[in-house]
C-alpha atoms as a PDB file:
ATOM      1  CA  UNK A   1     -25.942  19.231   8.523  1.00  0.00           C
ATOM      2  CA  UNK A   2     -23.124  17.171   7.053  1.00  0.00           C
ATOM      3  CA  UNK A   3     -19.891  18.444   5.565  1.00  0.00           C
ATOM      4  CA  UNK A   4     -21.168  17.783   2.026  1.00  0.00           C
ATOM      5  CA  UNK A   5     -24.394  19.683   2.782  1.00  0.00           C
ATOM      6  CA  UNK A   6     -22.312  22.603   4.071  1.00  0.00           C
ATOM      7  CA  UNK A   7     -20.262  22.592   0.858  1.00  0.00           C
ATOM      8  CA  UNK A   8     -23.420  22.548  -1.272  1.00  0.00           C
ATOM      9  CA  UNK A   9     -24.943  25.425   0.730  1.00  0.00           C
ATOM     10  CA  UNK A  10     -21.736  27.483   0.415  1.00  0.00           C
ATOM     11  CA  UNK A  11     -21.665  26.911  -3.355  1.00  0.00           C
ATOM     12  CA  UNK A  12     -25.389  27.737  -3.596  1.00  0.00           C
ATOM     13  CA  UNK A  13     -25.007  31.026  -1.695  1.00  0.00           C
ATOM     14  CA  UNK A  14     -21.921  31.969  -3.729  1.00  0.00           C
ATOM     15  CA  UNK A  15     -22.721  31.224  -7.376  1.00  0.00           C
ATOM     16  CA  UNK A  16     -19.346  32.639  -8.468  1.00  0.00           C
ATOM     17  CA  UNK A  17     -17.650  29.670  -6.730  1.00  0.00           C
ATOM     18  CA  UNK A  18     -17.297  26.256  -8.278  1.00  0.00           C
ATOM     19  CA  UNK A  19     -18.325  23.442  -5.963  1.00  0.00           C
ATOM     20  CA  UNK A  20     -14.695  22.248  -5.922  1.00  0.00           C
ATOM     21  CA  UNK A  21     -13.622  25.681  -4.637  1.00  0.00           C
ATOM     22  CA  UNK A  22     -16.307  25.606  -1.950  1.00  0.00           C
ATOM     23  CA  UNK A  23     -15.028  22.178  -0.924  1.00  0.00           C
ATOM     24  CA  UNK A  24     -11.458  23.532  -0.705  1.00  0.00           C
ATOM     25  CA  UNK A  25     -12.665  26.403   1.485  1.00  0.00           C
ATOM     26  CA  UNK A  26     -14.488  24.106   3.908  1.00  0.00           C
ATOM     27  CA  UNK A  27     -11.562  21.647   3.990  1.00  0.00           C
ATOM     28  CA  UNK A  28      -9.124  24.498   4.687  1.00  0.00           C
ATOM     29  CA  UNK A  29     -11.241  25.850   7.546  1.00  0.00           C
ATOM     30  CA  UNK A  30     -11.542  22.422   9.163  1.00  0.00           C
ATOM     31  CA  UNK A  31      -7.837  21.698   8.640  1.00  0.00           C
ATOM     32  CA  UNK A  32      -6.779  24.994  10.244  1.00  0.00           C
ATOM     33  CA  UNK A  33      -9.077  24.427  13.230  1.00  0.00           C
ATOM     34  CA  UNK A  34      -7.660  20.898  13.604  1.00  0.00           C
ATOM     35  CA  UNK A  35      -4.042  22.144  13.391  1.00  0.00           C
ATOM     36  CA  UNK A  36      -4.678  24.846  15.980  1.00  0.00           C
ATOM     37  CA  UNK A  37      -6.245  22.362  18.395  1.00  0.00           C
ATOM     38  CA  UNK A  38      -3.425  19.855  17.831  1.00  0.00           C
ATOM     39  CA  UNK A  39      -0.978  22.634  18.805  1.00  0.00           C
ATOM     40  CA  UNK A  40      -2.963  23.323  21.968  1.00  0.00           C
ATOM     41  CA  UNK A  41      -4.417  26.623  20.732  1.00  0.00           C
ATOM     42  CA  UNK A  42      -7.966  27.816  21.239  1.00  0.00           C
ATOM     43  CA  UNK A  43     -10.134  28.650  18.206  1.00  0.00           C
ATOM     44  CA  UNK A  44     -12.824  31.278  18.756  1.00  0.00           C
ATOM     45  CA  UNK A  45     -15.503  32.041  16.181  1.00  0.00           C
ATOM     46  CA  UNK A  46     -17.345  35.123  17.466  1.00  0.00           C
ATOM     47  CA  UNK A  47     -21.069  34.624  17.771  1.00  0.00           C
ATOM     48  CA  UNK A  48     -20.703  30.865  17.217  1.00  0.00           C
ATOM     49  CA  UNK A  49     -18.453  29.428  19.906  1.00  0.00           C
ATOM     50  CA  UNK A  50     -14.954  28.377  20.875  1.00  0.00           C
ATOM     51  CA  UNK A  51     -13.060  25.137  20.369  1.00  0.00           C
ATOM     52  CA  UNK A  52     -10.362  24.162  22.838  1.00  0.00           C
ATOM     53  CA  UNK A  53      -8.547  21.078  24.097  1.00  0.00           C
ATOM     54  CA  UNK A  54      -8.961  19.697  27.594  1.00  0.00           C
ATOM     55  CA  UNK A  55      -6.656  17.189  29.227  1.00  0.00           C
ATOM     56  CA  UNK A  56      -8.029  14.155  30.991  1.00  0.00           C
ATOM     57  CA  UNK A  57      -5.886  12.496  33.648  1.00  0.00           C
ATOM     58  CA  UNK A  58      -5.114   8.794  33.615  1.00  0.00           C
ATOM     59  CA  UNK A  59      -7.595   6.761  35.627  1.00  0.00           C
ATOM     60  CA  UNK A  60      -8.807   3.288  36.351  1.00  0.00           C
ATOM     61  CA  UNK A  61     -11.828   2.344  34.269  1.00  0.00           C
ATOM     62  CA  UNK A  62     -13.994  -0.713  33.883  1.00  0.00           C
ATOM     63  CA  UNK A  63     -14.584  -2.913  30.870  1.00  0.00           C
ATOM     64  CA  UNK A  64     -18.392  -2.864  30.601  1.00  0.00           C
ATOM     65  CA  UNK A  65     -18.523  -6.296  28.990  1.00  0.00           C
ATOM     66  CA  UNK A  66     -16.358  -8.198  31.484  1.00  0.00           C
ATOM     67  CA  UNK A  67     -16.391  -5.912  34.509  1.00  0.00           C
ATOM     68  CA  UNK A  68     -12.581  -6.114  34.561  1.00  0.00           C
ATOM     69  CA  UNK A  69     -10.687  -3.057  35.829  1.00  0.00           C
ATOM     70  CA  UNK A  70      -8.487  -1.475  33.148  1.00  0.00           C
ATOM     71  CA  UNK A  71      -6.046   1.414  33.114  1.00  0.00           C
ATOM     72  CA  UNK A  72      -7.154   4.342  30.954  1.00  0.00           C
ATOM     73  CA  UNK A  73      -4.233   6.519  29.845  1.00  0.00           C
ATOM     74  CA  UNK A  74      -4.292  10.289  30.047  1.00  0.00           C
ATOM     75  CA  UNK A  75      -5.530  11.961  26.886  1.00  0.00           C
ATOM     76  CA  UNK A  76      -6.480  15.237  25.268  1.00  0.00           C
ATOM     77  CA  UNK A  77     -10.061  15.699  24.099  1.00  0.00           C
ATOM     78  CA  UNK A  78     -11.704  18.448  22.014  1.00  0.00           C
ATOM     79  CA  UNK A  79     -14.154  20.720  23.793  1.00  0.00           C
ATOM     80  CA  UNK A  80     -16.694  23.167  22.354  1.00  0.00           C
ATOM     81  CA  UNK A  81     -18.262  26.037  24.264  1.00  0.00           C
ATOM     82  CA  UNK A  82     -21.225  27.673  22.579  1.00  0.00           C
ATOM     83  CA  UNK A  83     -21.085  31.437  22.007  1.00  0.00           C
ATOM     84  CA  UNK A  84     -23.531  33.841  23.598  1.00  0.00           C
ATOM     85  CA  UNK A  85     -25.255  34.816  20.329  1.00  0.00           C
ATOM     86  CA  UNK A  86     -25.647  31.180  19.272  1.00  0.00           C
ATOM     87  CA  UNK A  87     -27.049  30.288  22.702  1.00  0.00           C
ATOM     88  CA  UNK A  88     -29.543  33.134  22.507  1.00  0.00           C
ATOM     89  CA  UNK A  89     -30.579  32.171  18.993  1.00  0.00           C
ATOM     90  CA  UNK A  90     -31.088  28.520  19.887  1.00  0.00           C
ATOM     91  CA  UNK A  91     -33.231  29.501  22.855  1.00  0.00           C
ATOM     92  CA  UNK A  92     -35.316  32.088  21.016  1.00  0.00           C
ATOM     93  CA  UNK A  93     -33.875  35.035  22.884  1.00  0.00           C
ATOM     94  CA  UNK A  94     -33.883  38.145  20.714  1.00  0.00           C
ATOM     95  CA  UNK A  95     -31.452  40.929  21.501  1.00  0.00           C
ATOM     96  CA  UNK A  96     -30.487  44.111  19.684  1.00  0.00           C
ATOM     97  CA  UNK A  97     -27.861  43.831  16.975  1.00  0.00           C
ATOM     98  CA  UNK A  98     -28.194  40.099  16.275  1.00  0.00           C
ATOM     99  CA  UNK A  99     -28.051  40.592  12.509  1.00  0.00           C
ATOM    100  CA  UNK A 100     -24.599  38.910  12.478  1.00  0.00           C
ATOM    101  CA  UNK A 101     -26.096  35.419  12.213  1.00  0.00           C
ATOM    102  CA  UNK A 102     -28.638  35.094   9.466  1.00  0.00           C
ATOM    103  CA  UNK A 103     -30.264  31.962   8.081  1.00  0.00           C
END
């Protein structure tokens, strides 16, 4: 699913919203998640998963084209850990009280 498909689905499920409002909602959610991660915070969406930032140390890498050794600086990378309910749903595991996540 792409961002535009998500916006269309949100507008479809909420006929009282204009598509432009649905787009603002999706943009706001993504922007807030991005801001939180940029500040080093963790974002948890119950039943879905958690976004966090992991730090990678500097290391020596290799240019795959030339084989030359290159220095790779340290960096921060986004990380997503799937939630228990999402994991169960993806693997066809049915448990009591899973009405939170509907199609």
